C-alpha cells in the first residue's frame, strides 16, 4: 500500500510541476472542465453527467497510465511526449497531437456512452 501511495504522490508532483503546458493553461483547464460538467449537468441531468464523468475520468486515467509506462515515468520520449537531457537530467518539454487527440476521443466516447446507456 505504501508503494501505491508513493506512486500516486510522484504522479501528483509531476502533474503539478511539469512545464508541458503554461501555468495559466493548467488553471484555465480546471475552469473549462468545471464549466463543461456544470453545463452537461444542466442539459442532461445528474445520472448522465455521472456516467459521462465516470467514463471520461476512467479513460483519461488509462491514457495517463499508458503514457506513464511508455515514457518510463516521464524519463524518455514516446510518441508526442518529448524528453531532452539537460545537465544530465531528463526534462520533458513537449506533449502534443496524440495526447490531445486521445483526450478529445475520450470526450466523444463518454458523451456517446452517457447518452446511449442512460
N, C-alpha and C. Protein backbone atom coordinates (compact mmCIF):
# COMPACT_ATOMS: atom_id res chain seq x y z
N UNK A 1 0.81 -1.19 0.00
CA UNK A 1 0.00 0.00 0.00
C UNK A 1 0.86 1.26 0.00
N UNK A 2 2.00 1.22 0.71
CA UNK A 2 2.86 2.40 0.75
C UNK A 2 3.47 2.67 -0.63
N UNK A 3 3.74 1.61 -1.40
CA UNK A 3 4.26 1.81 -2.76
C UNK A 3 3.24 2.53 -3.63
N UNK A 4 1.97 2.14 -3.52
CA UNK A 4 0.92 2.78 -4.30
C UNK A 4 0.80 4.25 -3.93
N UNK A 5 0.84 4.54 -2.65
CA UNK A 5 0.77 5.93 -2.19
C UNK A 5 1.97 6.73 -2.71
N UNK A 6 3.14 6.11 -2.67
CA UNK A 6 4.35 6.77 -3.17
C UNK A 6 4.22 7.07 -4.67
N UNK A 7 3.68 6.14 -5.43
CA UNK A 7 3.50 6.33 -6.87
C UNK A 7 2.46 7.44 -7.16
N UNK A 8 1.40 7.47 -6.38
CA UNK A 8 0.37 8.50 -6.56
C UNK A 8 0.96 9.87 -6.26
N UNK A 9 1.72 9.97 -5.18
CA UNK A 9 2.35 11.25 -4.82
C UNK A 9 3.33 11.67 -5.91
N UNK A 10 4.08 10.72 -6.45
CA UNK A 10 5.01 11.03 -7.54
C UNK A 10 4.27 11.56 -8.76
N UNK A 11 3.15 10.93 -9.11
CA UNK A 11 2.34 11.40 -10.25
C UNK A 11 1.77 12.79 -9.99
N UNK A 12 1.25 13.01 -8.80
CA UNK A 12 0.69 14.33 -8.48
C UNK A 12 1.75 15.41 -8.53
N UNK A 13 2.94 15.11 -8.04
CA UNK A 13 4.03 16.09 -8.10
C UNK A 13 4.42 16.39 -9.54
N UNK A 14 4.43 15.35 -10.40
CA UNK A 14 4.75 15.58 -11.80
C UNK A 14 3.69 16.44 -12.46
N UNK A 15 2.42 16.10 -12.23
CA UNK A 15 1.32 16.84 -12.84
C UNK A 15 1.36 18.30 -12.39
N UNK A 16 1.61 18.51 -11.11
CA UNK A 16 1.64 19.87 -10.57
C UNK A 16 2.86 20.65 -11.07
N UNK A 17 3.99 19.99 -11.25
CA UNK A 17 5.22 20.70 -11.54
C UNK A 17 5.69 20.69 -12.99
N UNK A 18 5.04 19.94 -13.88
CA UNK A 18 5.57 19.87 -15.24
C UNK A 18 5.40 21.19 -15.98
N UNK A 19 6.23 21.36 -17.00
CA UNK A 19 6.19 22.58 -17.80
C UNK A 19 5.71 22.29 -19.22
N UNK A 20 4.98 21.22 -19.39
CA UNK A 20 4.47 20.85 -20.71
C UNK A 20 3.37 21.80 -21.17
N UNK A 21 2.72 22.44 -20.23
CA UNK A 21 1.68 23.42 -20.51
C UNK A 21 1.97 24.65 -19.64
N UNK A 22 1.65 25.84 -20.14
CA UNK A 22 1.84 27.03 -19.30
C UNK A 22 0.95 26.97 -18.06
N UNK A 23 1.39 27.62 -16.99
CA UNK A 23 0.61 27.61 -15.74
C UNK A 23 -0.79 28.17 -15.94
N UNK A 24 -0.93 29.23 -16.76
CA UNK A 24 -2.25 29.81 -16.98
C UNK A 24 -3.17 28.79 -17.64
N UNK A 25 -2.64 27.91 -18.50
CA UNK A 25 -3.48 26.91 -19.16
C UNK A 25 -3.93 25.84 -18.17
N UNK A 26 -3.03 25.47 -17.25
CA UNK A 26 -3.41 24.48 -16.23
C UNK A 26 -4.58 25.00 -15.40
N UNK A 27 -4.54 26.28 -15.06
CA UNK A 27 -5.63 26.88 -14.27
C UNK A 27 -6.90 27.00 -15.12
N UNK A 28 -6.74 27.48 -16.35
CA UNK A 28 -7.89 27.63 -17.25
C UNK A 28 -8.56 26.28 -17.51
N UNK A 29 -7.74 25.22 -17.62
CA UNK A 29 -8.27 23.89 -17.88
C UNK A 29 -9.23 23.43 -16.78
N UNK A 30 -8.93 23.77 -15.55
CA UNK A 30 -9.81 23.41 -14.43
C UNK A 30 -11.17 24.09 -14.59
N UNK A 31 -11.17 25.38 -14.91
CA UNK A 31 -12.42 26.11 -15.06
C UNK A 31 -13.19 25.65 -16.30
N UNK A 32 -12.48 25.32 -17.37
CA UNK A 32 -13.14 24.78 -18.57
C UNK A 32 -13.84 23.46 -18.27
N UNK A 33 -13.14 22.59 -17.55
CA UNK A 33 -13.74 21.29 -17.20
C UNK A 33 -14.95 21.47 -16.29
N UNK A 34 -14.81 22.33 -15.29
CA UNK A 34 -15.95 22.59 -14.39
C UNK A 34 -17.13 23.15 -15.16
N UNK A 35 -16.87 24.10 -16.04
CA UNK A 35 -17.95 24.67 -16.86
C UNK A 35 -18.60 23.62 -17.74
N UNK A 36 -17.79 22.76 -18.33
CA UNK A 36 -18.33 21.70 -19.18
C UNK A 36 -19.21 20.75 -18.38
N UNK A 37 -18.73 20.34 -17.19
CA UNK A 37 -19.51 19.40 -16.36
C UNK A 37 -20.79 20.05 -15.84
N UNK A 38 -20.73 21.32 -15.45
CA UNK A 38 -21.94 22.01 -14.98
C UNK A 38 -22.94 22.15 -16.13
N UNK A 39 -22.43 22.52 -17.32
CA UNK A 39 -23.31 22.60 -18.49
C UNK A 39 -23.94 21.27 -18.82
N UNK A 40 -23.15 20.21 -18.74
CA UNK A 40 -23.67 18.86 -19.01
C UNK A 40 -24.73 18.50 -17.97
N UNK A 41 -24.49 18.87 -16.72
CA UNK A 41 -25.44 18.59 -15.65
C UNK A 41 -26.78 19.28 -15.92
N UNK A 42 -26.75 20.55 -16.30
CA UNK A 42 -27.99 21.28 -16.57
C UNK A 42 -28.70 20.77 -17.82
N UNK A 43 -27.95 20.35 -18.82
CA UNK A 43 -28.56 19.86 -20.06
C UNK A 43 -29.11 18.45 -19.95
N UNK A 44 -28.39 17.57 -19.26
CA UNK A 44 -28.73 16.16 -19.31
C UNK A 44 -29.05 15.52 -17.97
N UNK A 45 -28.83 16.22 -16.88
CA UNK A 45 -29.19 15.67 -15.58
C UNK A 45 -28.03 14.98 -14.87
N UNK A 46 -28.31 14.65 -13.62
CA UNK A 46 -27.29 14.09 -12.73
C UNK A 46 -26.78 12.72 -13.17
N UNK A 47 -27.68 11.83 -13.56
CA UNK A 47 -27.28 10.46 -13.89
C UNK A 47 -26.39 10.44 -15.14
N UNK A 48 -26.80 11.12 -16.20
CA UNK A 48 -25.99 11.14 -17.42
C UNK A 48 -24.65 11.84 -17.19
N UNK A 49 -24.64 12.85 -16.35
CA UNK A 49 -23.38 13.53 -16.04
C UNK A 49 -22.47 12.63 -15.22
N UNK A 50 -23.04 11.87 -14.30
CA UNK A 50 -22.24 10.92 -13.51
C UNK A 50 -21.65 9.84 -14.41
N UNK A 51 -22.44 9.32 -15.35
CA UNK A 51 -21.94 8.31 -16.29
C UNK A 51 -20.85 8.92 -17.16
N UNK A 52 -21.11 10.12 -17.70
CA UNK A 52 -20.12 10.80 -18.52
C UNK A 52 -18.82 10.97 -17.74
N UNK A 53 -18.92 11.48 -16.52
CA UNK A 53 -17.73 11.74 -15.70
C UNK A 53 -16.97 10.45 -15.40
N UNK A 54 -17.69 9.41 -15.05
CA UNK A 54 -17.05 8.13 -14.75
C UNK A 54 -16.29 7.57 -15.94
N UNK A 55 -16.93 7.59 -17.10
CA UNK A 55 -16.29 7.07 -18.31
C UNK A 55 -15.11 7.96 -18.69
N UNK A 56 -15.31 9.28 -18.68
CA UNK A 56 -14.24 10.20 -19.08
C UNK A 56 -13.02 10.07 -18.18
N UNK A 57 -13.22 10.09 -16.86
CA UNK A 57 -12.07 10.01 -15.96
C UNK A 57 -11.41 8.64 -16.00
N UNK A 58 -12.18 7.58 -16.22
CA UNK A 58 -11.58 6.25 -16.36
C UNK A 58 -10.71 6.17 -17.61
N UNK A 59 -11.22 6.65 -18.73
CA UNK A 59 -10.44 6.63 -19.97
C UNK A 59 -9.21 7.55 -19.87
N UNK A 60 -9.38 8.69 -19.25
CA UNK A 60 -8.25 9.61 -19.09
C UNK A 60 -7.18 9.02 -18.16
N UNK A 61 -7.61 8.31 -17.14
CA UNK A 61 -6.67 7.63 -16.25
C UNK A 61 -5.90 6.56 -17.02
N UNK A 62 -6.59 5.86 -17.92
CA UNK A 62 -5.94 4.86 -18.76
C UNK A 62 -4.88 5.50 -19.66
N UNK A 63 -5.21 6.64 -20.26
CA UNK A 63 -4.23 7.38 -21.09
C UNK A 63 -3.03 7.78 -20.23
N UNK A 64 -3.30 8.27 -19.02
CA UNK A 64 -2.22 8.66 -18.11
C UNK A 64 -1.31 7.47 -17.82
N UNK A 65 -1.90 6.32 -17.51
CA UNK A 65 -1.09 5.14 -17.19
C UNK A 65 -0.29 4.66 -18.38
N UNK A 66 -0.87 4.70 -19.56
CA UNK A 66 -0.14 4.29 -20.77
C UNK A 66 1.06 5.19 -20.98
N UNK A 67 0.86 6.51 -20.90
CA UNK A 67 1.98 7.44 -21.05
C UNK A 67 3.01 7.24 -19.94
N UNK A 68 2.55 6.99 -18.75
CA UNK A 68 3.47 6.80 -17.61
C UNK A 68 4.37 5.60 -17.85
N UNK A 69 3.79 4.50 -18.32
CA UNK A 69 4.56 3.28 -18.55
C UNK A 69 5.48 3.45 -19.77
N UNK A 70 4.93 3.93 -20.87
CA UNK A 70 5.71 4.04 -22.11
C UNK A 70 6.85 5.05 -22.02
N UNK A 71 6.71 6.06 -21.15
CA UNK A 71 7.77 7.06 -21.00
C UNK A 71 8.68 6.76 -19.81
N UNK A 72 8.49 5.59 -19.22
CA UNK A 72 9.28 5.18 -18.05
C UNK A 72 9.23 6.28 -16.99
N UNK A 73 8.02 6.60 -16.58
CA UNK A 73 7.74 7.65 -15.59
C UNK A 73 8.29 8.99 -16.05
N UNK A 74 8.03 9.33 -17.29
CA UNK A 74 8.36 10.63 -17.89
C UNK A 74 9.86 10.86 -18.03
N UNK A 75 10.61 9.76 -18.21
CA UNK A 75 12.07 9.87 -18.33
C UNK A 75 12.56 9.74 -19.76
N UNK A 76 11.70 9.26 -20.68
CA UNK A 76 12.13 9.10 -22.07
C UNK A 76 11.00 9.48 -23.01
N UNK A 77 11.39 9.80 -24.24
CA UNK A 77 10.42 10.23 -25.24
C UNK A 77 9.61 9.03 -25.75
N UNK A 78 8.36 9.32 -26.08
CA UNK A 78 7.48 8.32 -26.68
C UNK A 78 6.35 9.06 -27.39
N UNK A 79 6.06 8.68 -28.61
CA UNK A 79 5.05 9.34 -29.44
C UNK A 79 5.27 10.86 -29.44
N UNK A 80 4.32 11.59 -28.90
CA UNK A 80 4.41 13.06 -28.90
C UNK A 80 4.95 13.62 -27.59
N UNK A 81 5.38 12.76 -26.69
CA UNK A 81 5.97 13.18 -25.42
C UNK A 81 7.48 13.25 -25.63
N UNK A 82 8.04 14.45 -25.58
CA UNK A 82 9.46 14.66 -25.89
C UNK A 82 10.22 14.99 -24.62
N UNK A 83 11.31 14.24 -24.40
CA UNK A 83 12.18 14.45 -23.25
C UNK A 83 13.58 14.77 -23.77
N UNK A 84 14.21 15.79 -23.19
CA UNK A 84 15.58 16.14 -23.54
C UNK A 84 16.45 16.02 -22.28
N UNK A 85 17.73 15.84 -22.50
CA UNK A 85 18.68 15.80 -21.37
C UNK A 85 19.21 17.20 -21.15
N UNK A 86 19.07 17.69 -19.92
CA UNK A 86 19.60 18.99 -19.51
C UNK A 86 20.46 18.78 -18.28
N UNK A 87 21.74 19.07 -18.41
CA UNK A 87 22.68 18.84 -17.31
C UNK A 87 22.65 17.39 -16.84
N UNK A 88 22.48 16.48 -17.79
CA UNK A 88 22.45 15.06 -17.48
C UNK A 88 21.14 14.55 -16.93
N UNK A 89 20.17 15.43 -16.75
CA UNK A 89 18.86 15.06 -16.20
C UNK A 89 17.80 15.11 -17.29
N UNK A 90 16.92 14.13 -17.34
CA UNK A 90 15.83 14.19 -18.33
C UNK A 90 14.82 15.27 -17.95
N UNK A 91 14.38 16.03 -18.95
CA UNK A 91 13.37 17.07 -18.73
C UNK A 91 12.35 17.00 -19.85
N UNK A 92 11.09 16.70 -19.50
CA UNK A 92 10.05 16.69 -20.55
C UNK A 92 9.79 18.10 -21.04
N UNK A 93 9.69 18.25 -22.37
CA UNK A 93 9.49 19.59 -22.92
C UNK A 93 8.23 19.73 -23.76
N UNK A 94 7.67 18.61 -24.22
CA UNK A 94 6.52 18.78 -25.11
C UNK A 94 5.63 17.55 -25.07
N UNK A 95 4.34 17.80 -25.20
CA UNK A 95 3.34 16.78 -25.43
C UNK A 95 2.41 17.37 -26.48
N UNK A 96 1.84 16.56 -27.33
CA UNK A 96 1.12 17.18 -28.44
C UNK A 96 -0.07 16.44 -28.98
N UNK A 97 -0.07 16.29 -30.30
CA UNK A 97 -1.27 15.91 -31.03
C UNK A 97 -1.86 14.57 -30.63
N UNK A 98 -1.05 13.58 -30.32
CA UNK A 98 -1.62 12.28 -29.95
C UNK A 98 -2.32 12.36 -28.60
N UNK A 99 -1.65 12.96 -27.63
CA UNK A 99 -2.23 13.08 -26.30
C UNK A 99 -3.56 13.82 -26.33
N UNK A 100 -3.58 14.97 -26.97
CA UNK A 100 -4.81 15.77 -27.01
C UNK A 100 -5.88 15.11 -27.88
N UNK A 101 -5.46 14.34 -28.87
CA UNK A 101 -6.42 13.56 -29.66
C UNK A 101 -7.07 12.48 -28.80
N UNK A 102 -6.26 11.84 -27.95
CA UNK A 102 -6.83 10.83 -27.04
C UNK A 102 -7.85 11.46 -26.10
N UNK A 103 -7.55 12.63 -25.58
CA UNK A 103 -8.47 13.30 -24.65
C UNK A 103 -9.76 13.68 -25.38
N UNK A 104 -9.65 14.21 -26.60
CA UNK A 104 -10.85 14.54 -27.39
C UNK A 104 -11.66 13.28 -27.68
N UNK A 105 -10.97 12.20 -28.01
CA UNK A 105 -11.64 10.92 -28.26
C UNK A 105 -12.35 10.44 -26.98
N UNK A 106 -11.72 10.62 -25.82
CA UNK A 106 -12.34 10.25 -24.54
C UNK A 106 -13.63 11.03 -24.32
N UNK A 107 -13.62 12.32 -24.65
CA UNK A 107 -14.83 13.14 -24.50
C UNK A 107 -15.94 12.60 -25.39
N UNK A 108 -15.62 12.29 -26.64
CA UNK A 108 -16.64 11.78 -27.58
C UNK A 108 -17.20 10.45 -27.10
N UNK A 109 -16.33 9.52 -26.74
CA UNK A 109 -16.79 8.21 -26.24
C UNK A 109 -17.66 8.40 -25.01
N UNK A 110 -17.25 9.27 -24.09
CA UNK A 110 -18.01 9.50 -22.85
C UNK A 110 -19.38 10.09 -23.14
N UNK A 111 -19.43 11.03 -24.08
CA UNK A 111 -20.73 11.60 -24.46
C UNK A 111 -21.65 10.55 -25.06
N UNK A 112 -21.13 9.74 -25.95
CA UNK A 112 -21.93 8.70 -26.59
C UNK A 112 -22.43 7.70 -25.55
N UNK A 113 -21.53 7.23 -24.71
CA UNK A 113 -21.91 6.24 -23.68
C UNK A 113 -22.96 6.83 -22.74
N UNK A 114 -22.75 8.06 -22.29
CA UNK A 114 -23.69 8.64 -21.34
C UNK A 114 -25.06 8.87 -21.96
N UNK A 115 -25.12 9.12 -23.26
CA UNK A 115 -26.40 9.34 -23.91
C UNK A 115 -27.11 8.04 -24.29
N UNK A 116 -26.33 7.01 -24.61
CA UNK A 116 -26.94 5.75 -25.04
C UNK A 116 -27.30 4.81 -23.91
N UNK A 117 -26.52 4.80 -22.84
CA UNK A 117 -26.74 3.84 -21.77
C UNK A 117 -27.80 4.26 -20.77
N UNK A 118 -28.04 5.53 -20.66
CA UNK A 118 -28.97 6.00 -19.62
C UNK A 118 -30.22 6.53 -20.27
